[in-house]
PDB file of all heavy atoms in Angstrom:
ATOM      1  N   ALA A   1      36.269 -61.284 -57.528  1.00  0.00           N
ATOM      2  CA  ALA A   1      36.019 -60.682 -58.842  1.00  0.00           C
ATOM      3  C   ALA A   1      35.956 -59.160 -58.729  1.00  0.00           C
ATOM      4  O   ALA A   1      36.469 -58.434 -59.587  1.00  0.00           O
ATOM      5  CB  ALA A   1      34.723 -61.229 -59.434  1.00  0.00           C
ATOM      6  N   CYS A   2      35.334 -58.694 -57.653  1.00  0.00           N
ATOM      7  CA  CYS A   2      35.260 -57.241 -57.435  1.00  0.00           C
ATOM      8  C   CYS A   2      36.645 -56.654 -57.189  1.00  0.00           C
ATOM      9  O   CYS A   2      36.970 -55.562 -57.658  1.00  0.00           O
ATOM     10  CB  CYS A   2      34.351 -56.940 -56.256  1.00  0.00           C
ATOM     11  SG  CYS A   2      32.638 -57.392 -56.549  1.00  0.00           S
ATOM     12  N   GLN A   3      37.472 -57.393 -56.443  1.00  0.00           N
ATOM     13  CA  GLN A   3      38.833 -56.937 -56.204  1.00  0.00           C
ATOM     14  C   GLN A   3      39.631 -56.917 -57.507  1.00  0.00           C
ATOM     15  O   GLN A   3      40.473 -56.046 -57.729  1.00  0.00           O
ATOM     16  CB  GLN A   3      39.513 -57.844 -55.175  1.00  0.00           C
ATOM     17  CG  GLN A   3      38.860 -57.830 -53.794  1.00  0.00           C
ATOM     18  CD  GLN A   3      38.909 -56.467 -53.129  1.00  0.00           C
ATOM     19  OE1 GLN A   3      39.974 -55.902 -52.920  1.00  0.00           O
ATOM     20  NE2 GLN A   3      37.734 -55.915 -52.809  1.00  0.00           N
ATOM     21  N   SER A   4      39.375 -57.905 -58.386  1.00  0.00           N
ATOM     22  CA  SER A   4      40.052 -57.943 -59.689  1.00  0.00           C
ATOM     23  C   SER A   4      39.646 -56.757 -60.558  1.00  0.00           C
ATOM     24  O   SER A   4      40.462 -56.198 -61.293  1.00  0.00           O
ATOM     25  CB  SER A   4      39.723 -59.248 -60.420  1.00  0.00           C
ATOM     26  OG  SER A   4      40.271 -60.351 -59.748  1.00  0.00           O
ATOM     27  N   MET A   5      38.371 -56.382 -60.484  1.00  0.00           N
ATOM     28  CA  MET A   5      37.897 -55.227 -61.248  1.00  0.00           C
ATOM     29  C   MET A   5      38.533 -53.934 -60.727  1.00  0.00           C
ATOM     30  O   MET A   5      38.775 -52.999 -61.492  1.00  0.00           O
ATOM     31  CB  MET A   5      36.378 -55.138 -61.166  1.00  0.00           C
ATOM     32  CG  MET A   5      35.648 -56.217 -61.934  1.00  0.00           C
ATOM     33  SD  MET A   5      33.853 -56.049 -61.833  1.00  0.00           S
ATOM     34  CE  MET A   5      33.613 -54.520 -62.730  1.00  0.00           C
ATOM     35  N   GLU A   6      38.815 -53.911 -59.438  1.00  0.00           N
ATOM     36  CA  GLU A   6      39.382 -52.710 -58.820  1.00  0.00           C
ATOM     37  C   GLU A   6      40.869 -52.539 -59.135  1.00  0.00           C
ATOM     38  O   GLU A   6      41.364 -51.408 -59.222  1.00  0.00           O
ATOM     39  CB  GLU A   6      39.190 -52.812 -57.306  1.00  0.00           C
ATOM     40  CG  GLU A   6      39.906 -51.769 -56.491  1.00  0.00           C
ATOM     41  CD  GLU A   6      39.833 -52.081 -55.008  1.00  0.00           C
ATOM     42  OE1 GLU A   6      38.776 -52.543 -54.544  1.00  0.00           O
ATOM     43  OE2 GLU A   6      40.832 -51.856 -54.318  1.00  0.00           O
ATOM     44  N   TYR A   7      41.563 -53.648 -59.318  1.00  0.00           N
ATOM     45  CA  TYR A   7      43.024 -53.625 -59.462  1.00  0.00           C
ATOM     46  C   TYR A   7      43.523 -52.711 -60.590  1.00  0.00           C
ATOM     47  O   TYR A   7      44.420 -51.885 -60.376  1.00  0.00           O
ATOM     48  CB  TYR A   7      43.539 -55.055 -59.652  1.00  0.00           C
ATOM     49  CG  TYR A   7      45.012 -55.154 -59.935  1.00  0.00           C
ATOM     50  CD1 TYR A   7      45.943 -55.041 -58.904  1.00  0.00           C
ATOM     51  CD2 TYR A   7      45.483 -55.365 -61.223  1.00  0.00           C
ATOM     52  CE1 TYR A   7      47.301 -55.132 -59.160  1.00  0.00           C
ATOM     53  CE2 TYR A   7      46.839 -55.458 -61.495  1.00  0.00           C
ATOM     54  CZ  TYR A   7      47.744 -55.347 -60.460  1.00  0.00           C
ATOM     55  OH  TYR A   7      49.087 -55.434 -60.727  1.00  0.00           O
ATOM     56  N   PRO A   8      42.971 -52.799 -61.826  1.00  0.00           N
ATOM     57  CA  PRO A   8      43.450 -51.902 -62.886  1.00  0.00           C
ATOM     58  C   PRO A   8      43.214 -50.432 -62.558  1.00  0.00           C
ATOM     59  O   PRO A   8      44.041 -49.577 -62.884  1.00  0.00           O
ATOM     60  CB  PRO A   8      42.628 -52.335 -64.110  1.00  0.00           C
ATOM     61  CG  PRO A   8      42.210 -53.734 -63.812  1.00  0.00           C
ATOM     62  CD  PRO A   8      41.979 -53.762 -62.334  1.00  0.00           C
ATOM     63  N   ALA A   9      42.081 -50.124 -61.924  1.00  0.00           N
ATOM     64  CA  ALA A   9      41.784 -48.737 -61.571  1.00  0.00           C
ATOM     65  C   ALA A   9      42.763 -48.215 -60.523  1.00  0.00           C
ATOM     66  O   ALA A   9      43.211 -47.057 -60.590  1.00  0.00           O
ATOM     67  CB  ALA A   9      40.346 -48.620 -61.043  1.00  0.00           C
ATOM     68  N   TYR A  10      43.107 -49.041 -59.567  1.00  0.00           N
ATOM     69  CA  TYR A  10      44.025 -48.653 -58.502  1.00  0.00           C
ATOM     70  C   TYR A  10      45.403 -48.322 -59.086  1.00  0.00           C
ATOM     71  O   TYR A  10      45.985 -47.258 -58.809  1.00  0.00           O
ATOM     72  CB  TYR A  10      44.145 -49.794 -57.483  1.00  0.00           C
ATOM     73  CG  TYR A  10      44.291 -49.327 -56.050  1.00  0.00           C
ATOM     74  CD1 TYR A  10      43.270 -49.484 -55.132  1.00  0.00           C
ATOM     75  CD2 TYR A  10      45.471 -48.745 -55.615  1.00  0.00           C
ATOM     76  CE1 TYR A  10      43.396 -49.065 -53.823  1.00  0.00           C
ATOM     77  CE2 TYR A  10      45.611 -48.324 -54.304  1.00  0.00           C
ATOM     78  CZ  TYR A  10      44.577 -48.485 -53.410  1.00  0.00           C
ATOM     79  OH  TYR A  10      44.707 -48.065 -52.114  1.00  0.00           O
ATOM     80  N   ASN A  11      45.934 -49.224 -59.907  1.00  0.00           N
ATOM     81  CA  ASN A  11      47.256 -49.002 -60.498  1.00  0.00           C
ATOM     82  C   ASN A  11      47.258 -47.821 -61.455  1.00  0.00           C
ATOM     83  O   ASN A  11      48.212 -47.029 -61.483  1.00  0.00           O
ATOM     84  CB  ASN A  11      47.724 -50.264 -61.227  1.00  0.00           C
ATOM     85  CG  ASN A  11      48.389 -51.243 -60.283  1.00  0.00           C
ATOM     86  OD1 ASN A  11      48.450 -51.013 -59.075  1.00  0.00           O
ATOM     87  ND2 ASN A  11      48.877 -52.341 -60.815  1.00  0.00           N
ATOM     88  N   ALA A  12      46.199 -47.698 -62.256  1.00  0.00           N
ATOM     89  CA  ALA A  12      46.117 -46.592 -63.204  1.00  0.00           C
ATOM     90  C   ALA A  12      45.994 -45.258 -62.470  1.00  0.00           C
ATOM     91  O   ALA A  12      46.565 -44.245 -62.900  1.00  0.00           O
ATOM     92  CB  ALA A  12      44.928 -46.782 -64.144  1.00  0.00           C
ATOM     93  N   LEU A  13      45.267 -45.227 -61.364  1.00  0.00           N
ATOM     94  CA  LEU A  13      45.111 -43.999 -60.590  1.00  0.00           C
ATOM     95  C   LEU A  13      46.447 -43.548 -60.006  1.00  0.00           C
ATOM     96  O   LEU A  13      46.783 -42.356 -60.051  1.00  0.00           O
ATOM     97  CB  LEU A  13      44.091 -44.209 -59.469  1.00  0.00           C
ATOM     98  CG  LEU A  13      43.848 -43.018 -58.534  1.00  0.00           C
ATOM     99  CD1 LEU A  13      43.367 -41.797 -59.324  1.00  0.00           C
ATOM    100  CD2 LEU A  13      42.819 -43.390 -57.467  1.00  0.00           C
ATOM    101  N   ILE A  14      47.225 -44.485 -59.477  1.00  0.00           N
ATOM    102  CA  ILE A  14      48.538 -44.142 -58.935  1.00  0.00           C
ATOM    103  C   ILE A  14      49.429 -43.561 -60.027  1.00  0.00           C
ATOM    104  O   ILE A  14      50.137 -42.572 -59.814  1.00  0.00           O
ATOM    105  CB  ILE A  14      49.200 -45.380 -58.298  1.00  0.00           C
ATOM    106  CG1 ILE A  14      48.408 -45.827 -57.072  1.00  0.00           C
ATOM    107  CG2 ILE A  14      50.649 -45.087 -57.897  1.00  0.00           C
ATOM    108  CD1 ILE A  14      48.789 -47.189 -56.563  1.00  0.00           C
ATOM    109  N   ALA A  15      49.383 -44.163 -61.217  1.00  0.00           N
ATOM    110  CA  ALA A  15      50.181 -43.655 -62.335  1.00  0.00           C
ATOM    111  C   ALA A  15      49.710 -42.268 -62.763  1.00  0.00           C
ATOM    112  O   ALA A  15      50.531 -41.387 -63.063  1.00  0.00           O
ATOM    113  CB  ALA A  15      50.102 -44.623 -63.511  1.00  0.00           C
ATOM    114  N   ASP A  16      48.395 -42.058 -62.789  1.00  0.00           N
ATOM    115  CA  ASP A  16      47.840 -40.768 -63.216  1.00  0.00           C
ATOM    116  C   ASP A  16      48.307 -39.618 -62.333  1.00  0.00           C
ATOM    117  O   ASP A  16      48.597 -38.521 -62.826  1.00  0.00           O
ATOM    118  CB  ASP A  16      46.304 -40.816 -63.190  1.00  0.00           C
ATOM    119  CG  ASP A  16      45.726 -41.521 -64.399  1.00  0.00           C
ATOM    120  OD1 ASP A  16      46.499 -41.885 -65.312  1.00  0.00           O
ATOM    121  OD2 ASP A  16      44.493 -41.700 -64.441  1.00  0.00           O
ATOM    122  N   ILE A  17      48.364 -39.852 -61.026  1.00  0.00           N
ATOM    123  CA  ILE A  17      48.636 -38.747 -60.096  1.00  0.00           C
ATOM    124  C   ILE A  17      50.118 -38.619 -59.747  1.00  0.00           C
ATOM    125  O   ILE A  17      50.486 -37.803 -58.895  1.00  0.00           O
ATOM    126  CB  ILE A  17      47.824 -38.918 -58.793  1.00  0.00           C
ATOM    127  CG1 ILE A  17      48.242 -40.178 -58.034  1.00  0.00           C
ATOM    128  CG2 ILE A  17      46.334 -38.942 -59.089  1.00  0.00           C
ATOM    129  CD1 ILE A  17      47.569 -40.353 -56.697  1.00  0.00           C
ATOM    130  N   THR A  18      50.972 -39.379 -60.445  1.00  0.00           N
ATOM    131  CA  THR A  18      52.398 -39.384 -60.113  1.00  0.00           C
ATOM    132  C   THR A  18      53.239 -39.163 -61.362  1.00  0.00           C
ATOM    133  O   THR A  18      53.000 -39.777 -62.404  1.00  0.00           O
ATOM    134  CB  THR A  18      52.796 -40.737 -59.475  1.00  0.00           C
ATOM    135  OG1 THR A  18      51.866 -41.073 -58.448  1.00  0.00           O
ATOM    136  CG2 THR A  18      54.191 -40.652 -58.880  1.00  0.00           C
ATOM    137  N   TYR A  19      54.245 -38.305 -61.244  1.00  0.00           N
ATOM    138  CA  TYR A  19      55.173 -38.089 -62.352  1.00  0.00           C
ATOM    139  C   TYR A  19      56.008 -39.345 -62.595  1.00  0.00           C
ATOM    140  O   TYR A  19      56.276 -40.119 -61.669  1.00  0.00           O
ATOM    141  CB  TYR A  19      56.098 -36.907 -62.060  1.00  0.00           C
ATOM    142  CG  TYR A  19      55.397 -35.569 -62.132  1.00  0.00           C
ATOM    143  CD1 TYR A  19      55.002 -34.908 -60.973  1.00  0.00           C
ATOM    144  CD2 TYR A  19      55.139 -34.967 -63.364  1.00  0.00           C
ATOM    145  CE1 TYR A  19      54.353 -33.679 -61.029  1.00  0.00           C
ATOM    146  CE2 TYR A  19      54.488 -33.738 -63.434  1.00  0.00           C
ATOM    147  CZ  TYR A  19      54.100 -33.101 -62.270  1.00  0.00           C
ATOM    148  OH  TYR A  19      53.451 -31.890 -62.329  1.00  0.00           O
ATOM    149  N   THR A  20      56.451 -39.526 -63.841  1.00  0.00           N
ATOM    150  CA  THR A  20      57.224 -40.712 -64.213  1.00  0.00           C
ATOM    151  C   THR A  20      58.424 -40.917 -63.294  1.00  0.00           C
ATOM    152  O   THR A  20      58.690 -42.030 -62.840  1.00  0.00           O
ATOM    153  CB  THR A  20      57.709 -40.605 -65.667  1.00  0.00           C
ATOM    154  OG1 THR A  20      56.572 -40.484 -66.543  1.00  0.00           O
ATOM    155  CG2 THR A  20      58.513 -41.825 -66.072  1.00  0.00           C
ATOM    156  N   LYS A  21      59.132 -39.842 -62.999  1.00  0.00           N
ATOM    157  CA  LYS A  21      60.345 -39.946 -62.176  1.00  0.00           C
ATOM    158  C   LYS A  21      60.046 -40.374 -60.739  1.00  0.00           C
ATOM    159  O   LYS A  21      60.940 -40.842 -60.028  1.00  0.00           O
ATOM    160  CB  LYS A  21      61.088 -38.611 -62.168  1.00  0.00           C
ATOM    161  CG  LYS A  21      60.303 -37.454 -61.556  1.00  0.00           C
ATOM    162  CD  LYS A  21      61.070 -36.146 -61.639  1.00  0.00           C
ATOM    163  CE  LYS A  21      60.274 -34.974 -61.071  1.00  0.00           C
ATOM    164  NZ  LYS A  21      59.972 -35.136 -59.648  1.00  0.00           N
ATOM    165  N   ASP A  22      58.800 -40.209 -60.302  1.00  0.00           N
ATOM    166  CA  ASP A  22      58.420 -40.545 -58.928  1.00  0.00           C
ATOM    167  C   ASP A  22      57.671 -41.870 -58.813  1.00  0.00           C
ATOM    168  O   ASP A  22      57.346 -42.296 -57.703  1.00  0.00           O
ATOM    169  CB  ASP A  22      57.528 -39.441 -58.339  1.00  0.00           C
ATOM    170  CG  ASP A  22      58.267 -38.129 -58.186  1.00  0.00           C
ATOM    171  OD1 ASP A  22      59.474 -38.166 -57.887  1.00  0.00           O
ATOM    172  OD2 ASP A  22      57.629 -37.067 -58.365  1.00  0.00           O
ATOM    173  N   ARG A  23      57.400 -42.530 -59.931  1.00  0.00           N
ATOM    174  CA  ARG A  23      56.506 -43.680 -59.889  1.00  0.00           C
ATOM    175  C   ARG A  23      57.075 -44.888 -59.148  1.00  0.00           C
ATOM    176  O   ARG A  23      56.338 -45.606 -58.482  1.00  0.00           O
ATOM    177  CB  ARG A  23      56.096 -44.093 -61.314  1.00  0.00           C
ATOM    178  CG  ARG A  23      54.969 -43.215 -61.821  1.00  0.00           C
ATOM    179  CD  ARG A  23      54.241 -43.780 -63.004  1.00  0.00           C
ATOM    180  NE  ARG A  23      53.542 -42.679 -63.632  1.00  0.00           N
ATOM    181  CZ  ARG A  23      53.610 -42.375 -64.904  1.00  0.00           C
ATOM    182  NH1 ARG A  23      54.355 -43.097 -65.708  1.00  0.00           N
ATOM    183  NH2 ARG A  23      52.940 -41.339 -65.384  1.00  0.00           N
ATOM    184  N   GLU A  24      58.378 -45.089 -59.250  1.00  0.00           N
ATOM    185  CA  GLU A  24      58.925 -46.230 -58.519  1.00  0.00           C
ATOM    186  C   GLU A  24      58.743 -46.031 -57.013  1.00  0.00           C
ATOM    187  O   GLU A  24      58.417 -46.972 -56.295  1.00  0.00           O
ATOM    188  CB  GLU A  24      60.401 -46.440 -58.860  1.00  0.00           C
ATOM    189  CG  GLU A  24      60.938 -47.740 -58.286  1.00  0.00           C
ATOM    190  CD  GLU A  24      62.173 -48.237 -58.999  1.00  0.00           C
ATOM    191  OE1 GLU A  24      62.187 -48.232 -60.250  1.00  0.00           O
ATOM    192  OE2 GLU A  24      63.124 -48.644 -58.309  1.00  0.00           O
ATOM    193  N   ARG A  25      58.918 -44.807 -56.559  1.00  0.00           N
ATOM    194  CA  ARG A  25      58.698 -44.516 -55.135  1.00  0.00           C
ATOM    195  C   ARG A  25      57.219 -44.685 -54.777  1.00  0.00           C
ATOM    196  O   ARG A  25      56.883 -45.224 -53.721  1.00  0.00           O
ATOM    197  CB  ARG A  25      59.150 -43.096 -54.795  1.00  0.00           C
ATOM    198  CG  ARG A  25      60.652 -42.873 -54.924  1.00  0.00           C
ATOM    199  CD  ARG A  25      61.056 -41.517 -54.351  1.00  0.00           C
ATOM    200  NE  ARG A  25      60.424 -40.418 -55.045  1.00  0.00           N
ATOM    201  CZ  ARG A  25      59.801 -39.405 -54.447  1.00  0.00           C
ATOM    202  NH1 ARG A  25      59.699 -39.369 -53.124  1.00  0.00           N
ATOM    203  NH2 ARG A  25      59.274 -38.428 -55.156  1.00  0.00           N
ATOM    204  N   ALA A  26      56.342 -44.220 -55.665  1.00  0.00           N
ATOM    205  CA  ALA A  26      54.905 -44.284 -55.398  1.00  0.00           C
ATOM    206  C   ALA A  26      54.412 -45.731 -55.336  1.00  0.00           C
ATOM    207  O   ALA A  26      53.676 -46.116 -54.419  1.00  0.00           O
ATOM    208  CB  ALA A  26      54.131 -43.518 -56.469  1.00  0.00           C
ATOM    209  N   PHE A  27      54.816 -46.545 -56.305  1.00  0.00           N
ATOM    210  CA  PHE A  27      54.395 -47.946 -56.300  1.00  0.00           C
ATOM    211  C   PHE A  27      55.065 -48.716 -55.165  1.00  0.00           C
ATOM    212  O   PHE A  27      54.476 -49.632 -54.591  1.00  0.00           O
ATOM    213  CB  PHE A  27      54.690 -48.602 -57.654  1.00  0.00           C
ATOM    214  CG  PHE A  27      53.661 -48.287 -58.706  1.00  0.00           C
ATOM    215  CD1 PHE A  27      53.880 -47.299 -59.653  1.00  0.00           C
ATOM    216  CD2 PHE A  27      52.469 -48.979 -58.755  1.00  0.00           C
ATOM    217  CE1 PHE A  27      52.932 -46.996 -60.621  1.00  0.00           C
ATOM    218  CE2 PHE A  27      51.505 -48.697 -59.718  1.00  0.00           C
ATOM    219  CZ  PHE A  27      51.737 -47.701 -60.655  1.00  0.00           C
ATOM    220  N   SER A  28      56.284 -48.349 -54.853  1.00  0.00           N
ATOM    221  CA  SER A  28      56.971 -48.957 -53.712  1.00  0.00           C
ATOM    222  C   SER A  28      56.218 -48.657 -52.424  1.00  0.00           C
ATOM    223  O   SER A  28      56.062 -49.532 -51.557  1.00  0.00           O
ATOM    224  CB  SER A  28      58.410 -48.416 -53.620  1.00  0.00           C
ATOM    225  OG  SER A  28      59.028 -48.796 -52.414  1.00  0.00           O
ATOM    226  N   LEU A  29      55.718 -47.427 -52.286  1.00  0.00           N
ATOM    227  CA  LEU A  29      54.959 -47.045 -51.093  1.00  0.00           C
ATOM    228  C   LEU A  29      53.675 -47.859 -50.982  1.00  0.00           C
ATOM    229  O   LEU A  29      53.303 -48.304 -49.884  1.00  0.00           O
ATOM    230  CB  LEU A  29      54.632 -45.546 -51.150  1.00  0.00           C
ATOM    231  CG  LEU A  29      53.894 -44.965 -49.941  1.00  0.00           C
ATOM    232  CD1 LEU A  29      54.767 -45.042 -48.694  1.00  0.00           C
ATOM    233  CD2 LEU A  29      53.470 -43.515 -50.207  1.00  0.00           C
ATOM    234  N   GLN A  30      52.976 -48.070 -52.097  1.00  0.00           N
ATOM    235  CA  GLN A  30      51.752 -48.859 -52.064  1.00  0.00           C
ATOM    236  C   GLN A  30      52.036 -50.310 -51.682  1.00  0.00           C
ATOM    237  O   GLN A  30      51.299 -50.926 -50.898  1.00  0.00           O
ATOM    238  CB  GLN A  30      51.062 -48.809 -53.429  1.00  0.00           C
ATOM    239  CG  GLN A  30      50.628 -47.418 -53.857  1.00  0.00           C
ATOM    240  CD  GLN A  30      49.724 -46.744 -52.843  1.00  0.00           C
ATOM    241  OE1 GLN A  30      48.800 -47.358 -52.311  1.00  0.00           O
ATOM    242  NE2 GLN A  30      49.990 -45.480 -52.566  1.00  0.00           N
ATOM    243  N   TYR A  31      53.099 -50.851 -52.228  1.00  0.00           N
ATOM    244  CA  TYR A  31      53.506 -52.221 -51.906  1.00  0.00           C
ATOM    245  C   TYR A  31      53.872 -52.332 -50.428  1.00  0.00           C
ATOM    246  O   TYR A  31      53.524 -53.315 -49.756  1.00  0.00           O
ATOM    247  CB  TYR A  31      54.696 -52.578 -52.795  1.00  0.00           C
ATOM    248  CG  TYR A  31      55.308 -53.929 -52.569  1.00  0.00           C
ATOM    249  CD1 TYR A  31      54.543 -55.085 -52.594  1.00  0.00           C
ATOM    250  CD2 TYR A  31      56.681 -54.047 -52.356  1.00  0.00           C
ATOM    251  CE1 TYR A  31      55.128 -56.331 -52.407  1.00  0.00           C
ATOM    252  CE2 TYR A  31      57.272 -55.285 -52.176  1.00  0.00           C
ATOM    253  CZ  TYR A  31      56.490 -56.423 -52.198  1.00  0.00           C
ATOM    254  OH  TYR A  31      57.067 -57.648 -52.016  1.00  0.00           O
ATOM    255  N   LEU A  32      54.547 -51.318 -49.921  1.00  0.00           N
ATOM    256  CA  LEU A  32      54.915 -51.271 -48.509  1.00  0.00           C
ATOM    257  C   LEU A  32      53.665 -51.266 -47.635  1.00  0.00           C
ATOM    258  O   LEU A  32      53.555 -52.013 -46.655  1.00  0.00           O
ATOM    259  CB  LEU A  32      55.764 -50.027 -48.235  1.00  0.00           C
ATOM    260  CG  LEU A  32      56.284 -49.819 -46.822  1.00  0.00           C
ATOM    261  CD1 LEU A  32      57.237 -50.939 -46.428  1.00  0.00           C
ATOM    262  CD2 LEU A  32      57.003 -48.462 -46.720  1.00  0.00           C
ATOM    263  N   GLY A  33      52.693 -50.431 -47.997  1.00  0.00           N
ATOM    264  CA  GLY A  33      51.446 -50.356 -47.233  1.00  0.00           C
ATOM    265  C   GLY A  33      50.698 -51.668 -47.226  1.00  0.00           C
ATOM    266  O   GLY A  33      50.168 -52.095 -46.187  1.00  0.00           O
ATOM    267  N   ALA A  34      50.653 -52.325 -48.379  1.00  0.00           N
ATOM    268  CA  ALA A  34      49.955 -53.606 -48.470  1.00  0.00           C
ATOM    269  C   ALA A  34      50.554 -54.620 -47.507  1.00  0.00           C
ATOM    270  O   ALA A  34      49.840 -55.384 -46.848  1.00  0.00           O
ATOM    271  CB  ALA A  34      50.026 -54.138 -49.907  1.00  0.00           C
ATOM    272  N   ASN A  35      51.868 -54.614 -47.390  1.00  0.00           N
ATOM    273  CA  ASN A  35      52.526 -55.604 -46.549  1.00  0.00           C
ATOM    274  C   ASN A  35      52.567 -55.223 -45.078  1.00  0.00           C
ATOM    275  O   ASN A  35      52.639 -56.104 -44.226  1.00  0.00           O
ATOM    276  CB  ASN A  35      53.930 -55.875 -47.087  1.00  0.00           C
ATOM    277  CG  ASN A  35      53.909 -56.778 -48.295  1.00  0.00           C
ATOM    278  OD1 ASN A  35      53.896 -57.986 -48.194  1.00  0.00           O
ATOM    279  ND2 ASN A  35      53.848 -56.163 -49.476  1.00  0.00           N
TER     280      ASN A  35
END
């Protein structure tokens, strides 16, 4: 449940600190790190 509460904040934070044109790279990097 705590991890579920964290998930929206994590994704929103990545979007906040990244320009639209760079977001696919940014989210791809996070997905890469997770795996």
